[in-house]
Amino acid sequence: MSQDATTPTVAEHPNTSAVLRISIIAAFGGFLFGYDSAVINGAVSAIQEEFGVSPGPLGFAVASALLGAAAGAFFGGRIADQLGRVPVMKIAAVLFLVSAIGCGVVDSFGWLIFWRIVGGVGVGVASIIAPAYIAEIAPAAVRGRLGSLQQMGIVLGIFVSLAVDAWLAALAGGSTQELWWGLEAWRWMFMAEAVPALAYLIGAFTIPESPRYLVEDGRSDEAQAVLANLQGSASATERVRLIKESLRSEHKPRLSDLKGRMAGLKPIVWVGIGLAALQQFVGINVIFYYSNVLWQSVGFTEADSFTITVITSVTNVAVTIVAIALVERVGRRRLLLIGSTGMALSLGTLSVLFATADVVDGSPVLGPTAGPVALVAANLFVIFFGVSWGPMMWVLLGEMFPNRIRGAALAVAGFVQWIANWLVTVTFPALAAFSLGVAYGLYTFFALVSLLFTLKMVRETTGIELEDMQD
């Protein structure tokens, strides 16, 4: 297709700065995803004290956002196919905003759960839309690095959330103490999320719609203009042609498209489900949702626990930067294999330390040697996860499915990812009360499963255009 008269002349090379800017704004949904998921960490003890709840309901409150996330992930892709990727980002931003305010002013435990679920829907939508959108606008040569920005956003969101939690708690003298306007510090932890939510909403008004959606919506000239600005005119023409060719044999994504010979589903769909579930079953979010309570339970003070948690989140940010640098050079699959091996070893160490610790008043207490070793093992776990399964799962889900099933497959994989997250989060308090050694032994088992799964099921996608992905 030739450019129309209104399309500006564009140099025949990728506009790296424009692609990067758009990808960063899209990945800001990941920042809010991380922020919203982790913000409750600093408030867990205060919520338990404020509402007088037992470990079971407390675990459900922490995990309630994940139920909303599962729903958002499942329906977000289909809504994006109807309305476009960018309008759905705006919807997610509004959900984050109202959830932040709602959680901060609640006067009952039930309403806290409600507003956490509302925010969770925003998390689920953002978790699906950002990697799909980035994959659809990025050139294949840098798609892995740009797709990794989703995970960078997540880990930065976790870091900022935990840092803000620690700052507010220190400022007030504890998470249960009053801070401003007669509201306790834990309430301000939630309401602080309104600031990045507004930034995401504003940013969503400054980025173009996905070229693939525009072509599917009959707006090929707009799609070509977007791609010309991002990748160069000649590349844009060829990309629009490939998108049109792939769409000719397609229809609106539907779940029936996923049917196949392998236990009722296509093999590639099972790979997506496995990646999504195993990323959570290794227990990574126990570190970010419960780390304050965990470290306090084994003998650290509240202040020390906040410090440890922030250090862990900084580590997570640093290794995600390493993953972005390595993804195109090393490849997705090899990074998964390295990560699985390291996670199994570090989680196994934690399991042994907790299982053999002295028990005081029903809780394991780590000694002067075991305590530092546990901290090192926990941070090694975060390092191996952050350089592999953290970003690579999102990169692979955004690019591994053939175009004709991508929307439906992403919905299913995203739903599974959040249900797995919910299962790990809601069961940890009970598992920890029974035995931290058993809890971490279970996560070690799934790390070993992730290694075998990658060896047998995952194939490399580095450098392959989306239109060339096969079942």
Protein backbone atom coordinates (compact mmCIF):
# COMPACT_ATOMS: atom_id res chain seq x y z
CA MET A 1 0.00 0.00 0.00
CA SER A 2 1.37 3.44 -0.84
CA GLN A 3 1.34 6.24 1.71
CA ASP A 4 -1.43 8.81 1.40
CA ALA A 5 -0.63 12.49 0.97
CA THR A 6 -1.03 13.29 4.62
CA THR A 7 1.57 10.79 5.80
CA PRO A 8 4.92 12.46 6.48
CA THR A 9 8.11 11.23 4.89
CA VAL A 10 9.97 9.07 7.39
CA ALA A 11 13.55 7.83 7.37
CA GLU A 12 13.98 4.21 6.43
CA HIS A 13 15.14 2.96 9.83
CA PRO A 14 13.45 2.28 13.16
CA ASN A 15 12.60 5.35 15.23
CA THR A 16 14.15 3.90 18.37
CA SER A 17 13.30 6.81 20.65
CA ALA A 18 9.62 6.78 19.64
CA VAL A 19 9.31 3.00 20.00
CA LEU A 20 11.01 3.16 23.41
CA ARG A 21 8.83 6.04 24.64
CA ILE A 22 5.61 4.28 23.63
CA SER A 23 6.76 0.99 25.15
CA ILE A 24 7.67 2.68 28.43
CA ILE A 25 4.24 4.28 28.68
CA ALA A 26 2.56 0.95 27.93
CA ALA A 27 4.78 -0.78 30.48
CA PHE A 28 3.72 1.77 33.09
CA GLY A 29 0.72 -0.51 33.46
CA GLY A 30 3.27 -3.05 34.69
CA PHE A 31 4.53 -0.48 37.21
CA LEU A 32 1.02 -0.16 38.63
CA PHE A 33 0.63 -3.93 38.47
CA GLY A 34 3.72 -4.25 40.71
CA TYR A 35 2.77 -1.35 42.95
CA ASP A 36 -0.80 -2.55 43.53
CA SER A 37 0.30 -6.14 44.12
CA ALA A 38 2.98 -5.30 46.69
CA VAL A 39 1.52 -2.28 48.49
CA ILE A 40 -0.34 -4.50 50.94
CA ASN A 41 2.96 -5.95 52.21
CA GLY A 42 3.58 -3.05 54.57
CA ALA A 43 -0.04 -2.98 55.68
CA VAL A 44 -0.62 -6.68 56.49
CA SER A 45 0.09 -6.43 60.23
CA ALA A 46 -1.88 -3.18 60.55
CA ILE A 47 -4.89 -4.63 58.74
CA GLN A 48 -4.85 -7.68 60.99
CA GLU A 49 -4.79 -5.43 64.05
CA GLU A 50 -7.32 -2.90 62.70
CA PHE A 51 -9.99 -5.45 61.80
CA GLY A 52 -9.05 -8.27 64.20
CA VAL A 53 -8.88 -11.00 61.55
CA SER A 54 -7.30 -14.46 61.77
CA PRO A 55 -4.63 -15.78 59.33
CA GLY A 56 -7.20 -17.38 57.01
CA PRO A 57 -9.27 -14.23 56.26
CA LEU A 58 -6.06 -12.18 56.26
CA GLY A 59 -4.61 -14.41 53.54
CA PHE A 60 -7.83 -14.03 51.55
CA ALA A 61 -7.63 -10.22 51.85
CA VAL A 62 -4.04 -10.20 50.60
CA ALA A 63 -4.98 -12.53 47.73
CA SER A 64 -8.33 -10.89 46.91
CA ALA A 65 -6.78 -8.53 44.37
CA LEU A 66 -5.59 -11.58 42.48
CA LEU A 67 -9.16 -12.78 41.94
CA GLY A 68 -9.91 -9.46 40.30
CA ALA A 69 -6.69 -9.80 38.32
CA ALA A 70 -7.77 -13.20 37.01
CA ALA A 71 -11.05 -11.72 35.79
CA GLY A 72 -9.28 -8.69 34.28
CA ALA A 73 -6.78 -10.89 32.46
CA PHE A 74 -9.47 -13.22 31.14
CA PHE A 75 -11.80 -10.52 29.80
CA GLY A 76 -9.25 -7.75 29.12
CA GLY A 77 -8.01 -9.23 25.85
CA ARG A 78 -11.51 -9.60 24.43
CA ILE A 79 -12.43 -6.05 25.46
CA ALA A 80 -9.22 -4.80 23.83
CA ASP A 81 -10.19 -6.57 20.60
CA GLN A 82 -13.47 -4.66 20.68
CA LEU A 83 -12.37 -1.21 21.86
CA GLY A 84 -8.65 -1.15 21.07
CA ARG A 85 -5.55 -1.53 23.22
CA VAL A 86 -5.19 2.10 24.31
CA PRO A 87 -8.79 2.62 25.55
CA VAL A 88 -8.40 -0.47 27.73
CA MET A 89 -5.20 0.98 29.22
CA LYS A 90 -7.23 4.07 30.19
CA ILE A 91 -9.87 1.88 31.83
CA ALA A 92 -7.16 0.08 33.81
CA ALA A 93 -5.73 3.41 34.99
CA VAL A 94 -9.13 4.51 36.30
CA LEU A 95 -9.56 1.20 38.15
CA PHE A 96 -6.16 1.67 39.82
CA LEU A 97 -7.11 5.21 40.82
CA VAL A 98 -10.46 4.44 42.44
CA SER A 99 -9.07 1.34 44.16
CA ALA A 100 -6.23 3.35 45.73
CA ILE A 101 -8.61 5.89 47.23
CA GLY A 102 -11.18 3.26 48.22
CA CYS A 103 -8.66 1.09 50.11
CA GLY A 104 -7.40 4.13 51.99
CA VAL A 105 -10.75 5.24 53.39
CA VAL A 106 -12.49 1.91 54.13
CA ASP A 107 -14.12 1.37 57.50
CA SER A 108 -14.72 -2.37 57.21
CA PHE A 109 -12.77 -5.46 56.23
CA GLY A 110 -15.36 -6.36 53.57
CA TRP A 111 -14.98 -3.03 51.78
CA LEU A 112 -11.20 -3.39 51.86
CA ILE A 113 -11.55 -6.71 50.02
CA PHE A 114 -13.96 -5.11 47.52
CA TRP A 115 -11.61 -2.26 46.61
CA ARG A 116 -8.66 -4.65 46.43
CA ILE A 117 -10.61 -6.72 43.88
CA VAL A 118 -11.38 -3.56 41.85
CA GLY A 119 -7.67 -2.73 41.74
CA GLY A 120 -6.97 -6.35 40.89
CA VAL A 121 -9.13 -6.10 37.77
CA GLY A 122 -6.91 -3.20 36.69
CA VAL A 123 -3.82 -5.33 37.40
CA GLY A 124 -5.16 -8.20 35.28
CA VAL A 125 -6.05 -5.94 32.37
CA ALA A 126 -2.64 -4.23 32.47
CA SER A 127 -0.83 -7.57 32.68
CA ILE A 128 -2.34 -8.70 29.37
CA ILE A 129 -2.56 -5.47 27.38
CA ALA A 130 0.98 -4.17 27.89
CA PRO A 131 2.93 -7.20 26.55
CA ALA A 132 0.50 -7.68 23.64
CA TYR A 133 0.63 -3.99 22.69
CA ILE A 134 4.43 -3.81 22.92
CA ALA A 135 4.78 -6.98 20.81
CA GLU A 136 2.48 -5.46 18.16
CA ILE A 137 4.38 -2.17 17.81
CA ALA A 138 7.98 -3.35 18.28
CA PRO A 139 10.40 -4.47 15.52
CA ALA A 140 11.34 -8.15 15.92
CA ALA A 141 15.03 -7.33 16.53
CA VAL A 142 14.27 -5.50 19.79
CA ARG A 143 10.92 -7.02 20.72
CA GLY A 144 12.37 -9.12 23.54
CA ARG A 145 14.05 -6.16 25.21
CA LEU A 146 10.99 -3.97 24.86
CA GLY A 147 8.74 -6.77 26.06
CA SER A 148 10.96 -7.08 29.12
CA LEU A 149 9.98 -3.51 30.03
CA GLN A 150 6.74 -5.00 31.35
CA GLN A 151 8.71 -6.89 33.99
CA MET A 152 10.91 -3.86 34.61
CA GLY A 153 7.75 -1.88 35.28
CA ILE A 154 6.51 -4.58 37.64
CA VAL A 155 9.72 -4.75 39.68
CA LEU A 156 10.05 -0.95 39.80
CA GLY A 157 6.45 -0.77 40.98
CA ILE A 158 7.19 -3.31 43.69
CA PHE A 159 10.31 -1.40 44.76
CA VAL A 160 8.59 2.00 44.87
CA SER A 161 5.60 0.53 46.68
CA LEU A 162 7.73 -1.12 49.36
CA ALA A 163 9.96 1.96 49.68
CA VAL A 164 6.91 4.20 50.14
CA ASP A 165 5.48 1.73 52.68
CA ALA A 166 8.74 1.81 54.66
CA TRP A 167 8.97 5.61 54.47
CA LEU A 168 5.39 6.16 55.62
CA ALA A 169 5.74 3.64 58.46
CA ALA A 170 8.97 5.29 59.64
CA LEU A 171 7.43 8.75 59.37
CA ALA A 172 4.44 7.76 61.49
CA GLY A 173 6.40 5.57 63.90
CA GLY A 174 4.70 2.39 62.71
CA SER A 175 2.16 1.26 60.14
CA THR A 176 -0.70 1.49 62.67
CA GLN A 177 0.10 5.04 63.80
CA GLU A 178 -1.73 8.15 62.59
CA LEU A 179 0.02 10.24 59.95
CA TRP A 180 -1.99 12.97 58.22
CA TRP A 181 -5.66 14.03 58.51
CA GLY A 182 -6.22 11.48 61.27
CA LEU A 183 -5.52 8.55 58.93
CA GLU A 184 -3.09 5.78 59.83
CA ALA A 185 0.09 5.19 57.81
CA TRP A 186 -1.24 1.94 56.28
CA ARG A 187 -4.12 3.87 54.69
CA TRP A 188 -1.70 6.35 53.09
CA MET A 189 0.25 3.38 51.70
CA PHE A 190 -2.77 2.54 49.55
CA MET A 191 -3.71 6.11 48.66
CA ALA A 192 -0.20 6.94 47.43
CA GLU A 193 -0.96 4.73 44.41
CA ALA A 194 -3.26 7.45 43.08
CA VAL A 195 -0.20 9.42 41.87
CA PRO A 196 1.19 6.80 39.43
CA ALA A 197 -2.37 5.87 38.43
CA LEU A 198 -2.96 9.45 37.25
CA ALA A 199 0.39 9.44 35.43
CA TYR A 200 -0.58 6.22 33.59
CA LEU A 201 -3.95 7.69 32.62
CA ILE A 202 -2.33 10.84 31.21
CA GLY A 203 0.33 8.83 29.39
CA ALA A 204 -2.28 6.62 27.72
CA PHE A 205 -3.62 9.70 25.92
CA THR A 206 -0.22 10.27 24.26
CA ILE A 207 0.41 6.92 22.52
CA PRO A 208 -0.96 5.55 19.21
CA GLU A 209 -3.26 2.59 18.81
CA SER A 210 -1.77 -0.81 17.94
CA PRO A 211 -1.21 -1.12 14.16
CA ARG A 212 -2.60 -4.66 14.21
CA TYR A 213 -5.84 -3.46 15.82
CA LEU A 214 -6.07 -0.58 13.33
CA VAL A 215 -5.71 -2.94 10.35
CA GLU A 216 -8.28 -5.30 11.82
CA ASP A 217 -10.61 -2.33 12.35
CA GLY A 218 -10.32 -1.33 8.68
CA ARG A 219 -7.99 1.62 9.32
CA SER A 220 -4.95 0.48 7.34
CA ASP A 221 -3.81 4.00 6.46
CA GLU A 222 -3.61 4.89 10.16
CA ALA A 223 -1.76 1.65 10.86
CA GLN A 224 0.76 2.38 8.12
CA ALA A 225 1.29 5.92 9.43
CA VAL A 226 1.97 4.58 12.92
CA LEU A 227 4.39 1.93 11.65
CA ALA A 228 6.11 4.40 9.32
CA ASN A 229 6.80 6.68 12.26
CA LEU A 230 8.13 3.79 14.33
CA GLN A 231 9.91 1.55 11.82
CA GLY A 232 10.34 3.41 8.53
CA SER A 233 8.09 3.62 5.44
CA ALA A 234 9.28 0.53 3.56
CA SER A 235 9.13 -1.61 6.67
CA ALA A 236 5.66 -0.23 7.43
CA THR A 237 4.34 -1.20 4.00
CA GLU A 238 5.63 -4.76 4.33
CA ARG A 239 4.38 -5.09 7.93
CA VAL A 240 0.87 -3.93 7.00
CA ARG A 241 0.84 -6.42 4.12
CA LEU A 242 1.83 -9.26 6.48
CA ILE A 243 -0.80 -8.25 9.01
CA LYS A 244 -3.47 -8.22 6.30
CA GLU A 245 -2.41 -11.64 5.07
CA SER A 246 -2.60 -13.10 8.56
CA LEU A 247 -6.01 -11.52 9.14
CA ARG A 248 -7.52 -12.93 5.94
CA SER A 249 -7.52 -16.42 7.39
CA GLU A 250 -8.54 -15.27 10.87
CA HIS A 251 -11.65 -14.24 12.75
CA LYS A 252 -12.28 -12.65 16.11
CA PRO A 253 -10.42 -14.63 18.79
CA ARG A 254 -12.59 -17.20 20.56
CA LEU A 255 -11.87 -19.94 23.05
CA SER A 256 -12.91 -22.67 20.60
CA ASP A 257 -9.84 -21.76 18.52
CA LEU A 258 -7.66 -23.21 21.27
CA LYS A 259 -8.99 -26.74 20.87
CA GLY A 260 -6.40 -29.29 19.84
CA ARG A 261 -5.16 -32.82 20.09
CA MET A 262 -3.30 -32.51 23.41
CA ALA A 263 -5.86 -33.06 26.21
CA GLY A 264 -8.34 -30.87 24.36
CA LEU A 265 -6.03 -27.91 23.69
CA LYS A 266 -3.34 -27.00 21.19
CA PRO A 267 0.16 -27.85 22.49
CA ILE A 268 1.25 -24.20 22.31
CA VAL A 269 -1.65 -23.24 24.59
CA TRP A 270 -0.50 -25.79 27.17
CA VAL A 271 2.98 -24.29 26.98
CA GLY A 272 1.51 -20.87 27.74
CA ILE A 273 -0.52 -22.27 30.64
CA GLY A 274 2.55 -24.04 32.01
CA LEU A 275 4.70 -20.91 31.81
CA ALA A 276 2.02 -18.83 33.52
CA ALA A 277 1.37 -21.30 36.35
CA LEU A 278 5.00 -22.22 37.07
CA GLN A 279 6.07 -18.58 37.26
CA GLN A 280 3.83 -18.32 40.32
CA PHE A 281 4.15 -21.81 41.82
CA VAL A 282 7.82 -21.19 42.64
CA GLY A 283 6.50 -18.80 45.31
CA ILE A 284 8.03 -15.52 44.17
CA ASN A 285 5.17 -13.39 45.43
CA VAL A 286 5.45 -14.80 48.94
CA ILE A 287 8.65 -12.72 49.06
CA PHE A 288 6.85 -9.54 47.98
CA TYR A 289 3.45 -9.97 49.67
CA TYR A 290 4.50 -11.46 52.99
CA SER A 291 8.20 -10.70 53.44
CA ASN A 292 7.67 -8.25 56.32
CA VAL A 293 5.59 -10.77 58.24
CA LEU A 294 7.96 -13.60 57.25
CA TRP A 295 11.13 -11.89 58.50
CA GLN A 296 9.41 -10.71 61.67
CA SER A 297 8.22 -14.26 62.33
CA VAL A 298 11.80 -15.55 62.34
CA GLY A 299 13.19 -12.92 64.69
CA PHE A 300 13.76 -9.63 62.80
CA THR A 301 12.21 -6.33 63.98
CA GLU A 302 9.54 -4.51 61.94
CA ALA A 303 12.06 -1.80 60.95
CA ASP A 304 14.65 -4.39 59.90
CA SER A 305 11.98 -6.32 57.98
CA PHE A 306 11.06 -3.19 55.99
CA THR A 307 14.74 -2.62 55.20
CA ILE A 308 15.28 -6.22 54.09
CA THR A 309 12.20 -6.07 51.88
CA VAL A 310 13.34 -2.86 50.18
CA ILE A 311 16.83 -4.30 49.59
CA THR A 312 15.25 -7.39 48.02
CA SER A 313 13.15 -5.23 45.70
CA VAL A 314 16.25 -3.24 44.66
CA THR A 315 17.92 -6.54 43.82
CA ASN A 316 14.90 -7.46 41.72
CA VAL A 317 15.17 -4.21 39.74
CA ALA A 318 18.90 -4.68 39.13
CA VAL A 319 18.61 -8.22 37.78
CA THR A 320 15.70 -7.25 35.53
CA ILE A 321 18.03 -4.72 33.89
CA VAL A 322 20.47 -7.59 33.35
CA ALA A 323 17.68 -9.70 31.80
CA ILE A 324 16.81 -6.92 29.35
CA ALA A 325 20.46 -6.73 28.31
CA LEU A 326 20.71 -10.50 27.82
CA VAL A 327 17.36 -11.51 26.33
CA GLU A 328 18.25 -11.04 22.64
CA ARG A 329 21.82 -12.27 23.06
CA VAL A 330 21.26 -15.32 25.26
CA GLY A 331 17.69 -16.18 24.25
CA ARG A 332 14.47 -16.73 26.16
CA ARG A 333 14.77 -20.48 26.65
CA ARG A 334 18.34 -20.52 27.92
CA LEU A 335 17.55 -17.82 30.49
CA LEU A 336 14.60 -19.90 31.73
CA LEU A 337 16.88 -22.92 32.19
CA ILE A 338 19.47 -20.90 34.12
CA GLY A 339 16.76 -19.38 36.30
CA SER A 340 15.07 -22.68 37.10
CA THR A 341 18.35 -24.24 38.22
CA GLY A 342 19.26 -21.31 40.46
CA MET A 343 15.76 -21.07 41.95
CA ALA A 344 15.73 -24.77 42.84
CA LEU A 345 19.06 -24.47 44.68
CA SER A 346 18.20 -21.28 46.58
CA LEU A 347 14.67 -22.38 47.50
CA GLY A 348 16.01 -25.75 48.63
CA THR A 349 18.43 -23.93 50.93
CA LEU A 350 15.59 -21.88 52.46
CA SER A 351 13.52 -25.02 52.95
CA VAL A 352 16.32 -26.74 54.87
CA LEU A 353 17.06 -23.66 57.00
CA PHE A 354 13.44 -23.16 58.02
CA ALA A 355 12.85 -26.88 58.59
CA THR A 356 15.87 -27.18 60.94
CA ALA A 357 15.45 -23.86 62.79
CA ASP A 358 14.73 -23.76 66.53
CA VAL A 359 11.04 -23.23 67.31
CA VAL A 360 10.09 -20.60 69.91
CA ASP A 361 6.42 -19.97 70.76
CA GLY A 362 5.42 -21.95 67.69
CA SER A 363 7.60 -20.00 65.21
CA PRO A 364 11.03 -20.91 63.78
CA VAL A 365 13.82 -18.57 64.88
CA LEU A 366 16.92 -18.34 62.72
CA GLY A 367 20.22 -18.18 64.57
CA PRO A 368 23.20 -15.85 63.97
CA THR A 369 24.47 -18.07 61.14
CA ALA A 370 21.20 -19.29 59.63
CA GLY A 371 19.70 -15.78 59.51
CA PRO A 372 22.28 -14.26 57.13
CA VAL A 373 22.37 -17.46 55.06
CA ALA A 374 18.58 -17.28 54.67
CA LEU A 375 18.80 -13.64 53.58
CA VAL A 376 21.44 -14.52 50.97
CA ALA A 377 19.40 -17.50 49.73
CA ALA A 378 16.21 -15.40 49.49
CA ASN A 379 18.01 -12.74 47.47
CA LEU A 380 19.65 -15.35 45.24
CA PHE A 381 16.17 -16.72 44.56
CA VAL A 382 15.03 -13.22 43.56
CA ILE A 383 18.12 -12.82 41.35
CA PHE A 384 17.56 -16.07 39.47
CA PHE A 385 13.83 -15.37 39.12
CA GLY A 386 14.38 -11.77 38.05
CA VAL A 387 16.83 -12.65 35.29
CA SER A 388 14.66 -15.42 33.89
CA TRP A 389 11.08 -16.40 34.73
CA GLY A 390 10.08 -12.91 35.81
CA PRO A 391 10.52 -11.13 32.46
CA MET A 392 10.73 -14.12 30.10
CA MET A 393 7.23 -15.41 30.91
CA TRP A 394 5.72 -12.05 29.87
CA VAL A 395 7.93 -11.81 26.77
CA LEU A 396 6.97 -15.31 25.65
CA LEU A 397 3.24 -14.88 26.32
CA GLY A 398 3.27 -11.66 24.31
CA GLU A 399 4.92 -13.23 21.25
CA MET A 400 4.71 -17.06 21.22
CA PHE A 401 1.13 -17.57 20.02
CA PRO A 402 0.11 -17.46 16.34
CA ASN A 403 -1.84 -14.31 15.49
CA ARG A 404 -5.14 -16.13 14.97
CA ILE A 405 -5.25 -17.42 18.56
CA ARG A 406 -3.17 -14.81 20.41
CA GLY A 407 -6.08 -12.97 22.04
CA ALA A 408 -7.83 -16.10 23.30
CA ALA A 409 -4.60 -17.81 24.35
CA LEU A 410 -3.42 -14.74 26.25
CA ALA A 411 -6.76 -14.59 28.05
CA VAL A 412 -6.45 -18.20 29.19
CA ALA A 413 -2.76 -17.95 30.14
CA GLY A 414 -3.33 -14.69 31.98
CA PHE A 415 -6.27 -16.16 33.88
CA VAL A 416 -4.17 -19.17 34.89
CA GLN A 417 -1.29 -16.93 35.97
CA TRP A 418 -3.47 -14.98 38.35
CA ILE A 419 -5.28 -18.02 39.72
CA ALA A 420 -1.88 -19.62 40.41
CA ASN A 421 -0.77 -16.39 42.10
CA TRP A 422 -3.96 -16.43 44.18
CA LEU A 423 -3.47 -20.06 45.21
CA VAL A 424 0.10 -19.44 46.39
CA THR A 425 -0.83 -16.22 48.18
CA VAL A 426 -3.94 -17.49 49.95
CA THR A 427 -2.31 -20.74 51.10
CA PHE A 428 0.97 -19.32 52.39
CA PRO A 429 -0.29 -18.19 55.85
CA ALA A 430 -1.66 -21.67 56.58
CA LEU A 431 1.43 -23.39 55.15
CA ALA A 432 3.72 -21.09 57.13
CA ALA A 433 1.76 -21.76 60.32
CA PHE A 434 2.21 -25.49 59.71
CA SER A 435 5.86 -25.38 58.58
CA LEU A 436 7.94 -22.86 56.64
CA GLY A 437 10.22 -25.74 55.69
CA VAL A 438 7.31 -27.54 54.03
CA ALA A 439 6.17 -24.34 52.30
CA TYR A 440 9.57 -23.67 50.75
CA GLY A 441 10.04 -27.36 50.00
CA LEU A 442 6.88 -27.16 47.87
CA TYR A 443 8.22 -24.12 46.00
CA THR A 444 11.51 -25.99 45.45
CA PHE A 445 9.59 -28.86 43.86
CA PHE A 446 7.90 -26.52 41.39
CA ALA A 447 11.25 -24.90 40.53
CA LEU A 448 12.49 -28.37 39.53
CA VAL A 449 9.29 -28.91 37.53
CA SER A 450 9.92 -25.59 35.73
CA LEU A 451 13.36 -26.85 34.69
CA LEU A 452 11.97 -30.07 33.20
CA PHE A 453 9.07 -28.20 31.59
CA THR A 454 11.42 -25.78 29.83
CA LEU A 455 13.64 -28.59 28.58
CA LYS A 456 10.70 -30.55 27.14
CA MET A 457 8.13 -27.95 26.07
CA VAL A 458 9.53 -24.45 25.48
CA ARG A 459 10.96 -23.43 22.12
CA GLU A 460 13.00 -20.35 21.27
CA THR A 461 11.20 -17.33 19.75
CA THR A 462 14.08 -14.86 19.49
CA GLY A 463 14.08 -12.94 16.18
CA ILE A 464 10.85 -14.48 14.80
CA GLU A 465 8.18 -12.05 13.53
CA LEU A 466 4.73 -12.36 15.12
CA GLU A 467 3.21 -13.21 11.75
CA ASP A 468 5.56 -16.22 11.50
CA MET A 469 4.68 -17.83 14.86
CA GLN A 470 3.33 -21.38 14.47
CA ASP A 471 1.19 -23.70 16.63
